[in-house]
């Protein structure tokens, strides 16, 4: 679902288990919703391109078979990549947003399944690219203390991909995955080189809360 366009783009996919901070709520009283991807997010990110809804390959995260394995009934993925128009395009981090809406019976299990599936692909891609994965932050677990998240669970992680060749080709990746009874969503930011200003997990957590709010549309009656 997150397209591999070049070596740098492929590195974006390579994440390892670890560097996780998770937040949990009970999503009691959450209003059911559907997902719509606007042309602008967070006031500064503009949609670069839409990502095909259902992956045609049976072995990718958003194929029909894999969505079922994630525990999402009647799942329908939507995705897009976003960039900011300010500064050097080569140094501007890209934000990828994917939402799989449907009936999510056990959101916690679905979030775990998404991360497990993505980590499996990450390790495969990293091996193919000859890259080393370094966890930027140690594992942290914190109970959710805010009132702006009415979902069930959100998990975030941050790593760096270090290819064997290239002094300024390190790829920094931060990703958050949320789950609730209406959808599972992924917000990932990545950038190449030391000049790329990629959010840390705390910053992306706040950004993901706002992205989730902007994506939500009332569920049709």
Protein backbone atom coordinates (compact mmCIF):
# COMPACT_ATOMS: atom_id res chain seq x y z
CA UNK A 1 0.00 0.00 0.00
CA UNK A 2 2.88 2.34 0.74
CA UNK A 3 4.43 2.30 -2.71
CA UNK A 4 8.05 1.39 -3.24
CA UNK A 5 9.24 3.85 -5.88
CA UNK A 6 12.99 3.94 -5.26
CA UNK A 7 15.61 2.59 -2.88
CA UNK A 8 14.93 5.49 -0.52
CA UNK A 9 11.22 4.89 -0.72
CA UNK A 10 11.73 1.19 -0.13
CA UNK A 11 13.74 1.95 2.97
CA UNK A 12 10.73 3.80 4.31
CA UNK A 13 8.96 0.49 4.71
CA UNK A 14 11.64 -1.03 6.89
CA UNK A 15 10.63 -0.78 10.55
CA UNK A 16 11.53 -3.01 13.46
CA UNK A 17 9.62 -4.07 16.53
CA UNK A 18 10.55 -1.61 19.27
CA UNK A 19 10.52 2.10 19.93
CA UNK A 20 6.83 1.75 20.72
CA UNK A 21 4.72 4.05 22.83
CA UNK A 22 1.08 3.07 23.21
CA UNK A 23 -2.05 4.77 24.42
CA UNK A 24 -5.25 3.04 25.39
CA UNK A 25 -8.83 4.15 25.87
CA UNK A 26 -12.13 2.30 25.90
CA UNK A 27 -13.78 4.04 22.93
CA UNK A 28 -17.01 4.10 24.93
CA UNK A 29 -19.45 6.49 23.35
CA UNK A 30 -17.43 6.78 20.14
CA UNK A 31 -19.61 7.80 17.21
CA UNK A 32 -19.20 5.40 14.23
CA UNK A 33 -17.52 7.00 11.23
CA UNK A 34 -16.19 6.50 7.72
CA UNK A 35 -12.91 7.81 6.30
CA UNK A 36 -12.40 10.56 3.73
CA UNK A 37 -8.96 11.86 2.77
CA UNK A 38 -8.97 15.66 2.36
CA UNK A 39 -6.66 17.57 0.04
CA UNK A 40 -4.99 19.27 3.03
CA UNK A 41 -4.02 17.96 6.47
CA UNK A 42 -2.73 19.69 9.58
CA UNK A 43 -2.85 23.03 7.80
CA UNK A 44 0.41 22.45 5.91
CA UNK A 45 0.43 19.03 4.25
CA UNK A 46 -1.05 18.84 0.75
CA UNK A 47 -2.15 15.64 -0.95
CA UNK A 48 0.47 14.51 -3.43
CA UNK A 49 -1.32 11.45 -4.73
CA UNK A 50 -3.95 8.89 -3.80
CA UNK A 51 -2.91 5.32 -3.15
CA UNK A 52 -4.98 2.57 -4.85
CA UNK A 53 -7.70 1.42 -2.48
CA UNK A 54 -7.30 -2.36 -2.55
CA UNK A 55 -3.89 -3.79 -3.38
CA UNK A 56 -4.12 -6.21 -6.33
CA UNK A 57 -1.37 -8.41 -4.89
CA UNK A 58 -2.64 -11.06 -2.49
CA UNK A 59 0.44 -10.79 -0.25
CA UNK A 60 0.27 -7.07 0.61
CA UNK A 61 -1.22 -5.38 3.66
CA UNK A 62 -4.37 -4.05 2.01
CA UNK A 63 -5.30 -6.98 -0.19
CA UNK A 64 -8.75 -8.40 0.45
CA UNK A 65 -7.32 -11.52 2.10
CA UNK A 66 -4.94 -9.60 4.36
CA UNK A 67 -7.62 -7.13 5.46
CA UNK A 68 -9.72 -10.08 6.61
CA UNK A 69 -6.74 -11.44 8.54
CA UNK A 70 -6.46 -8.09 10.31
CA UNK A 71 -9.89 -8.69 11.82
CA UNK A 72 -11.67 -6.00 9.79
CA UNK A 73 -14.98 -7.13 8.33
CA UNK A 74 -16.06 -5.52 5.06
CA UNK A 75 -12.80 -3.59 5.18
CA UNK A 76 -12.23 -0.86 2.63
CA UNK A 77 -8.78 0.80 2.53
CA UNK A 78 -8.17 4.41 1.60
CA UNK A 79 -4.75 5.99 1.39
CA UNK A 80 -2.78 9.01 0.20
CA UNK A 81 0.64 10.60 0.52
CA UNK A 82 1.09 14.20 1.64
CA UNK A 83 3.97 16.68 1.41
CA UNK A 84 4.66 20.28 2.42
CA UNK A 85 5.50 22.83 -0.32
CA UNK A 86 8.05 24.72 1.80
CA UNK A 87 11.83 24.32 1.46
CA UNK A 88 13.93 21.84 -0.46
CA UNK A 89 11.69 19.01 -1.74
CA UNK A 90 14.51 16.53 -1.16
CA UNK A 91 14.57 17.39 2.54
CA UNK A 92 10.82 17.63 3.11
CA UNK A 93 9.45 14.59 4.94
CA UNK A 94 6.56 12.75 3.35
CA UNK A 95 3.46 11.76 5.30
CA UNK A 96 1.54 8.67 4.27
CA UNK A 97 -1.97 8.12 5.61
CA UNK A 98 -3.88 4.85 5.29
CA UNK A 99 -7.27 4.12 6.79
CA UNK A 100 -9.03 0.75 6.60
CA UNK A 101 -12.65 1.29 7.52
CA UNK A 102 -15.09 -1.47 8.33
CA UNK A 103 -16.31 -3.41 11.35
CA UNK A 104 -13.45 -3.94 13.79
CA UNK A 105 -14.53 -6.40 16.47
CA UNK A 106 -11.27 -6.41 18.44
CA UNK A 107 -9.36 -3.17 17.68
CA UNK A 108 -6.41 -4.07 19.92
CA UNK A 109 -5.87 -7.35 18.06
CA UNK A 110 -6.20 -5.57 14.72
CA UNK A 111 -3.57 -2.96 15.62
CA UNK A 112 -1.23 -5.74 16.70
CA UNK A 113 -1.91 -7.62 13.47
CA UNK A 114 -1.18 -4.53 11.35
CA UNK A 115 2.15 -3.93 13.06
CA UNK A 116 3.10 -7.61 12.94
CA UNK A 117 2.35 -7.75 9.23
CA UNK A 118 4.23 -4.52 8.51
CA UNK A 119 7.25 -5.62 10.54
CA UNK A 120 7.40 -8.85 8.57
CA UNK A 121 7.52 -6.88 5.33
CA UNK A 122 10.00 -4.42 6.85
CA UNK A 123 12.53 -7.10 7.68
CA UNK A 124 12.20 -8.60 4.23
CA UNK A 125 12.75 -5.23 2.55
CA UNK A 126 15.65 -4.32 4.82
CA UNK A 127 17.41 -7.59 4.01
CA UNK A 128 16.92 -7.05 0.28
CA UNK A 129 18.34 -3.53 0.53
CA UNK A 130 21.24 -4.43 2.77
CA UNK A 131 20.13 -1.87 5.35
CA UNK A 132 20.51 -1.88 9.13
CA UNK A 133 17.58 -0.97 11.38
CA UNK A 134 18.29 1.16 14.43
CA UNK A 135 15.58 1.88 16.99
CA UNK A 136 15.67 5.59 17.80
CA UNK A 137 13.67 5.38 21.03
CA UNK A 138 13.52 2.63 23.59
CA UNK A 139 10.20 0.92 24.25
CA UNK A 140 7.84 3.03 26.34
CA UNK A 141 4.34 2.31 27.57
CA UNK A 142 2.09 5.05 28.89
CA UNK A 143 -1.59 5.04 29.79
CA UNK A 144 -3.60 7.54 27.77
CA UNK A 145 -4.24 10.63 29.86
CA UNK A 146 -6.01 12.90 27.41
CA UNK A 147 -9.62 13.27 26.35
CA UNK A 148 -8.94 13.80 22.63
CA UNK A 149 -8.75 10.09 21.74
CA UNK A 150 -12.00 8.16 21.88
CA UNK A 151 -10.64 5.08 20.15
CA UNK A 152 -9.37 1.84 21.68
CA UNK A 153 -5.62 1.82 21.08
CA UNK A 154 -2.84 3.80 19.40
CA UNK A 155 0.76 2.62 19.04
CA UNK A 156 3.69 4.68 17.74
CA UNK A 157 7.29 3.83 16.88
CA UNK A 158 10.37 5.53 15.47
CA UNK A 159 13.42 4.00 13.79
CA UNK A 160 16.26 4.84 11.44
CA UNK A 161 17.26 2.84 8.38
CA UNK A 162 20.98 2.90 7.66
CA UNK A 163 22.07 1.59 4.25
CA UNK A 164 25.63 0.36 3.88
CA UNK A 165 26.40 2.90 1.18
CA UNK A 166 25.77 6.64 1.20
CA UNK A 167 26.76 9.10 3.91
CA UNK A 168 23.47 11.00 3.88
CA UNK A 169 21.00 8.31 2.89
CA UNK A 170 19.78 7.41 6.36
CA UNK A 171 15.99 7.24 6.42
CA UNK A 172 14.15 8.28 9.59
CA UNK A 173 10.66 6.85 10.00
CA UNK A 174 8.00 7.52 12.60
CA UNK A 175 4.68 5.70 12.46
CA UNK A 176 1.45 5.63 14.46
CA UNK A 177 -1.32 3.04 14.14
CA UNK A 178 -4.71 3.52 15.76
CA UNK A 179 -7.62 1.14 16.13
CA UNK A 180 -11.26 1.51 17.11
CA UNK A 181 -14.53 -0.17 16.22
CA UNK A 182 -14.87 1.75 12.93
CA UNK A 183 -11.37 1.60 11.44
CA UNK A 184 -7.66 0.94 11.71
CA UNK A 185 -5.49 3.84 10.59
CA UNK A 186 -1.80 4.35 9.83
CA UNK A 187 0.01 7.69 9.81
CA UNK A 188 3.66 7.44 8.82
CA UNK A 189 6.22 10.18 8.27
CA UNK A 190 9.59 9.57 6.70
CA UNK A 191 12.52 11.58 5.42
CA UNK A 192 15.97 11.01 3.96
CA UNK A 193 19.19 12.57 5.26
CA UNK A 194 20.20 14.70 8.21
CA UNK A 195 18.30 17.72 6.90
CA UNK A 196 14.95 15.96 7.01
CA UNK A 197 12.79 17.17 9.89
CA UNK A 198 10.83 14.04 10.77
CA UNK A 199 8.57 14.14 13.83
CA UNK A 200 9.44 12.09 16.89
CA UNK A 201 6.84 9.76 18.41
CA UNK A 202 5.39 12.41 20.75
CA UNK A 203 4.97 14.88 17.90
CA UNK A 204 3.46 12.31 15.56
CA UNK A 205 1.11 11.12 18.29
CA UNK A 206 -0.35 14.62 18.51
CA UNK A 207 -0.41 14.92 14.71
CA UNK A 208 -2.16 11.56 14.37
CA UNK A 209 -4.89 12.62 16.78
CA UNK A 210 -5.56 15.62 14.56
CA UNK A 211 -5.30 13.61 11.33
CA UNK A 212 -7.77 11.05 12.69
CA UNK A 213 -10.18 13.86 13.52
CA UNK A 214 -9.86 15.37 10.03
CA UNK A 215 -10.41 12.03 8.31
CA UNK A 216 -13.59 11.13 10.15
CA UNK A 217 -16.94 11.59 8.44
CA UNK A 218 -20.37 10.73 9.89
CA UNK A 219 -21.37 7.15 9.24
CA UNK A 220 -24.37 6.98 6.90
CA UNK A 221 -27.55 6.07 8.71
